[in-house]
Amino acid sequence: KPEFLKGLLGQLKLYSEFLGKQPWFAGDKITFADFLVYDVLDQHRMFVPKCLDAFPNLMDFTVCFEGLKKISAYMKTSHFLPSPVYLKQVTWGNK
């Protein structure tokens, strides 16, 4: 964890600079890339809850993403599981 935390703000700064003042990572319309970035940012928030505090545009991005009608509706259902982040996957061969 200490090594990860040393580089976290630098990595988040890169995301923040790339996003700039755009609402989405590829411009004015949401794309697949935004789903991937949201997932990364959400995992970082789980690990270090206040890590986005220094990056208002990234905080706005996550709020906007979570506020999308279908995303918001899904997050309110019992099907939405905020954790565990990684589940056991298919095992090949021996059990």
Protein backbone atom coordinates (compact mmCIF):
# COMPACT_ATOMS: atom_id res chain seq x y z
CA LYS A 1 0.00 0.00 0.00
CA PRO A 2 2.73 2.58 0.78
CA GLU A 3 4.28 2.23 -2.69
CA PHE A 4 0.88 2.53 -4.35
CA LEU A 5 0.01 5.63 -2.32
CA LYS A 6 3.28 7.33 -3.29
CA GLY A 7 2.27 7.34 -6.94
CA LEU A 8 -1.51 7.68 -6.61
CA LEU A 9 -1.78 11.48 -6.68
CA GLY A 10 0.55 11.62 -9.69
CA GLN A 11 -1.61 9.13 -11.55
CA LEU A 12 -4.81 10.95 -10.65
CA LYS A 13 -3.23 14.21 -11.78
CA LEU A 14 -2.70 12.68 -15.23
CA TYR A 15 -6.37 11.67 -15.42
CA SER A 16 -7.38 15.13 -14.25
CA GLU A 17 -5.20 16.91 -16.79
CA PHE A 18 -6.46 14.71 -19.61
CA LEU A 19 -10.10 15.30 -18.67
CA GLY A 20 -9.57 19.03 -18.25
CA LYS A 21 -12.89 20.87 -18.45
CA GLN A 22 -14.60 18.29 -20.67
CA PRO A 23 -17.55 16.41 -19.20
CA TRP A 24 -16.31 13.08 -20.60
CA PHE A 25 -12.90 11.70 -21.43
CA ALA A 26 -13.46 11.72 -25.20
CA GLY A 27 -15.29 15.05 -25.36
CA ASP A 28 -18.91 16.05 -25.04
CA LYS A 29 -20.44 12.57 -25.34
CA ILE A 30 -20.01 9.57 -23.10
CA THR A 31 -18.04 6.68 -24.60
CA PHE A 32 -16.86 3.24 -23.55
CA ALA A 33 -13.68 4.85 -22.23
CA ASP A 34 -15.68 6.69 -19.58
CA PHE A 35 -16.95 3.39 -18.17
CA LEU A 36 -13.39 2.12 -17.86
CA VAL A 37 -12.11 5.31 -16.24
CA TYR A 38 -15.05 5.42 -13.84
CA ASP A 39 -14.24 1.87 -12.75
CA VAL A 40 -10.61 2.80 -12.05
CA LEU A 41 -11.56 5.95 -10.14
CA ASP A 42 -14.21 4.11 -8.13
CA GLN A 43 -11.69 1.45 -7.11
CA HIS A 44 -9.26 4.16 -6.04
CA ARG A 45 -12.01 5.78 -3.96
CA MET A 46 -12.69 2.44 -2.26
CA PHE A 47 -9.01 2.11 -1.41
CA VAL A 48 -8.42 5.77 -0.45
CA PRO A 49 -11.84 7.43 0.07
CA LYS A 50 -10.63 11.05 -0.16
CA CYS A 51 -8.17 10.57 -3.03
CA LEU A 52 -10.26 12.61 -5.50
CA ASP A 53 -10.66 15.59 -3.18
CA ALA A 54 -7.75 17.43 -4.83
CA PHE A 55 -9.28 16.94 -8.30
CA PRO A 56 -12.68 18.63 -8.58
CA ASN A 57 -13.06 17.68 -12.24
CA LEU A 58 -12.63 13.98 -11.44
CA MET A 59 -15.12 14.28 -8.58
CA ASP A 60 -17.57 16.00 -10.95
CA PHE A 61 -16.98 13.25 -13.51
CA THR A 62 -17.87 10.49 -11.01
CA VAL A 63 -20.95 12.38 -9.79
CA CYS A 64 -22.10 12.94 -13.38
CA PHE A 65 -21.48 9.28 -14.28
CA GLU A 66 -23.38 8.02 -11.23
CA GLY A 67 -26.17 10.49 -12.01
CA LEU A 68 -26.86 9.07 -15.45
CA LYS A 69 -30.45 7.83 -15.46
CA LYS A 70 -29.75 4.14 -16.14
CA ILE A 71 -26.60 4.00 -14.00
CA SER A 72 -28.37 5.64 -11.09
CA ALA A 73 -31.35 3.31 -11.39
CA TYR A 74 -29.08 0.27 -11.51
CA MET A 75 -27.07 1.39 -8.48
CA LYS A 76 -30.31 1.52 -6.48
CA THR A 77 -31.22 -2.11 -7.21
CA SER A 78 -30.28 -5.24 -5.29
CA HIS A 79 -28.35 -6.39 -8.38
CA PHE A 80 -25.73 -3.69 -7.84
CA LEU A 81 -22.83 -5.01 -5.76
CA PRO A 82 -20.32 -2.31 -4.83
CA SER A 83 -17.98 -5.01 -3.52
CA PRO A 84 -16.16 -7.31 -3.69
CA VAL A 85 -14.27 -5.63 -6.49
CA TYR A 86 -12.89 -8.89 -7.85
CA LEU A 87 -14.79 -12.15 -7.73
CA LYS A 88 -13.41 -15.64 -8.20
CA GLN A 89 -13.30 -16.40 -11.91
CA VAL A 90 -13.64 -19.66 -13.80
CA THR A 91 -11.12 -22.29 -12.79
CA TRP A 92 -9.69 -24.40 -15.58
CA GLY A 93 -8.43 -27.92 -14.97
CA ASN A 94 -8.06 -29.00 -11.35
CA LYS A 95 -10.38 -27.66 -8.72
